[in-house]
Amino acid sequence: EPLLCEIGRHPKRDLLLPVHRTKEGLTFNGWHGSGDVTCLAGANAFAFVTQGEEAAPIGTPVPVFPLPGELSW
């Protein structure tokens, strides 16, 4: 599914990030580590973002892992 916002990548490792999934795509409100309960509370899926030097731009398709109980489109 496409990203609706730019997401920074890590240069040496892939990321699994909490995102909010809509019919249009994925939004990301930032992530401040495992204690970021606010970010997790607003998430309904996780997105797999591959490593890289540049940010993943808007429109980049990424694999999505919906959380249990969420609708799939």
C-alpha atoms as a PDB file:
ATOM      1  CA  GLU A   1       0.000   0.000   0.000  1.00  0.00           C
ATOM      2  CA  PRO A   2       1.278   3.521  -0.679  1.00  0.00           C
ATOM      3  CA  LEU A   3       2.693   5.878   1.922  1.00  0.00           C
ATOM      4  CA  LEU A   4       0.723   9.110   2.292  1.00  0.00           C
ATOM      5  CA  CYS A   5       3.669  10.818   3.991  1.00  0.00           C
ATOM      6  CA  GLU A   6       7.442  10.652   3.786  1.00  0.00           C
ATOM      7  CA  ILE A   7       9.095   8.219   6.215  1.00  0.00           C
ATOM      8  CA  GLY A   8      12.754   8.397   7.221  1.00  0.00           C
ATOM      9  CA  ARG A   9      14.688   5.185   6.683  1.00  0.00           C
ATOM     10  CA  HIS A  10      17.507   3.724   8.736  1.00  0.00           C
ATOM     11  CA  PRO A  11      20.700   3.325   6.674  1.00  0.00           C
ATOM     12  CA  LYS A  12      21.578  -0.140   8.021  1.00  0.00           C
ATOM     13  CA  ARG A  13      18.356  -1.883   9.038  1.00  0.00           C
ATOM     14  CA  ASP A  14      14.781  -2.420   7.942  1.00  0.00           C
ATOM     15  CA  LEU A  15      11.969  -0.938  10.048  1.00  0.00           C
ATOM     16  CA  LEU A  16       8.594  -2.267  11.148  1.00  0.00           C
ATOM     17  CA  LEU A  17       6.601   0.855  12.011  1.00  0.00           C
ATOM     18  CA  PRO A  18       3.130   1.394  13.483  1.00  0.00           C
ATOM     19  CA  VAL A  19       0.929   3.171  10.926  1.00  0.00           C
ATOM     20  CA  HIS A  20      -2.692   4.130  10.414  1.00  0.00           C
ATOM     21  CA  ARG A  21      -4.161   2.396   7.377  1.00  0.00           C
ATOM     22  CA  THR A  22      -6.931   4.023   5.329  1.00  0.00           C
ATOM     23  CA  LYS A  23      -8.428   3.224   1.927  1.00  0.00           C
ATOM     24  CA  GLU A  24      -6.082   5.836   0.405  1.00  0.00           C
ATOM     25  CA  GLY A  25      -2.893   4.510   1.989  1.00  0.00           C
ATOM     26  CA  LEU A  26      -0.726   4.701   5.112  1.00  0.00           C
ATOM     27  CA  THR A  27      -0.078   7.593   7.473  1.00  0.00           C
ATOM     28  CA  PHE A  28       2.688   7.724  10.065  1.00  0.00           C
ATOM     29  CA  ASN A  29       2.811  10.102  13.025  1.00  0.00           C
ATOM     30  CA  GLY A  30       6.387   9.416  14.068  1.00  0.00           C
ATOM     31  CA  TRP A  31       7.814   6.833  16.424  1.00  0.00           C
ATOM     32  CA  HIS A  32       9.808   7.504  19.574  1.00  0.00           C
ATOM     33  CA  GLY A  33      10.605   3.939  20.601  1.00  0.00           C
ATOM     34  CA  SER A  34       8.935   1.152  22.524  1.00  0.00           C
ATOM     35  CA  GLY A  35       7.472   3.523  25.128  1.00  0.00           C
ATOM     36  CA  ASP A  36       5.549   5.540  22.538  1.00  0.00           C
ATOM     37  CA  VAL A  37       2.087   4.377  23.605  1.00  0.00           C
ATOM     38  CA  THR A  38       0.315   7.268  21.857  1.00  0.00           C
ATOM     39  CA  CYS A  39       1.686   6.214  18.468  1.00  0.00           C
ATOM     40  CA  LEU A  40       0.730   2.578  19.072  1.00  0.00           C
ATOM     41  CA  ALA A  41      -2.779   3.530  20.215  1.00  0.00           C
ATOM     42  CA  GLY A  42      -3.432   5.295  16.896  1.00  0.00           C
ATOM     43  CA  ALA A  43      -2.048   2.461  14.771  1.00  0.00           C
ATOM     44  CA  ASN A  44      -4.119  -0.211  13.074  1.00  0.00           C
ATOM     45  CA  ALA A  45      -1.274  -1.852  11.148  1.00  0.00           C
ATOM     46  CA  PHE A  46       2.497  -2.145  10.847  1.00  0.00           C
ATOM     47  CA  ALA A  47       4.417  -1.171   7.713  1.00  0.00           C
ATOM     48  CA  PHE A  48       7.695  -2.767   6.607  1.00  0.00           C
ATOM     49  CA  VAL A  49      10.088  -0.051   5.404  1.00  0.00           C
ATOM     50  CA  THR A  50      13.364  -1.253   3.901  1.00  0.00           C
ATOM     51  CA  GLN A  51      16.706   0.249   4.869  1.00  0.00           C
ATOM     52  CA  GLY A  52      18.152   3.085   2.850  1.00  0.00           C
ATOM     53  CA  GLU A  53      20.045   6.349   2.874  1.00  0.00           C
ATOM     54  CA  GLU A  54      17.128   8.447   1.586  1.00  0.00           C
ATOM     55  CA  ALA A  55      13.645   8.819   3.086  1.00  0.00           C
ATOM     56  CA  ALA A  56      10.832   6.735   1.583  1.00  0.00           C
ATOM     57  CA  PRO A  57       8.834   9.341  -0.397  1.00  0.00           C
ATOM     58  CA  ILE A  58       5.075   9.769  -0.595  1.00  0.00           C
ATOM     59  CA  GLY A  59       3.566   7.071  -2.803  1.00  0.00           C
ATOM     60  CA  THR A  60       6.179   4.416  -1.996  1.00  0.00           C
ATOM     61  CA  PRO A  61       4.438   1.021  -1.838  1.00  0.00           C
ATOM     62  CA  VAL A  62       5.282  -0.954   1.316  1.00  0.00           C
ATOM     63  CA  PRO A  63       4.129  -4.299   2.720  1.00  0.00           C
ATOM     64  CA  VAL A  64       1.466  -3.949   5.434  1.00  0.00           C
ATOM     65  CA  PHE A  65       0.605  -6.177   8.380  1.00  0.00           C
ATOM     66  CA  PRO A  66      -2.883  -5.294   9.710  1.00  0.00           C
ATOM     67  CA  LEU A  67      -3.518  -5.618  13.429  1.00  0.00           C
ATOM     68  CA  PRO A  68      -6.136  -8.216  14.473  1.00  0.00           C
ATOM     69  CA  GLY A  69      -9.709  -6.998  14.227  1.00  0.00           C
ATOM     70  CA  GLU A  70      -9.026  -4.442  11.506  1.00  0.00           C
ATOM     71  CA  LEU A  71     -10.904  -4.480   8.220  1.00  0.00           C
ATOM     72  CA  SER A  72      -8.970  -5.348   5.099  1.00  0.00           C
ATOM     73  CA  TRP A  73      -9.624  -3.683   1.771  1.00  0.00           C
END
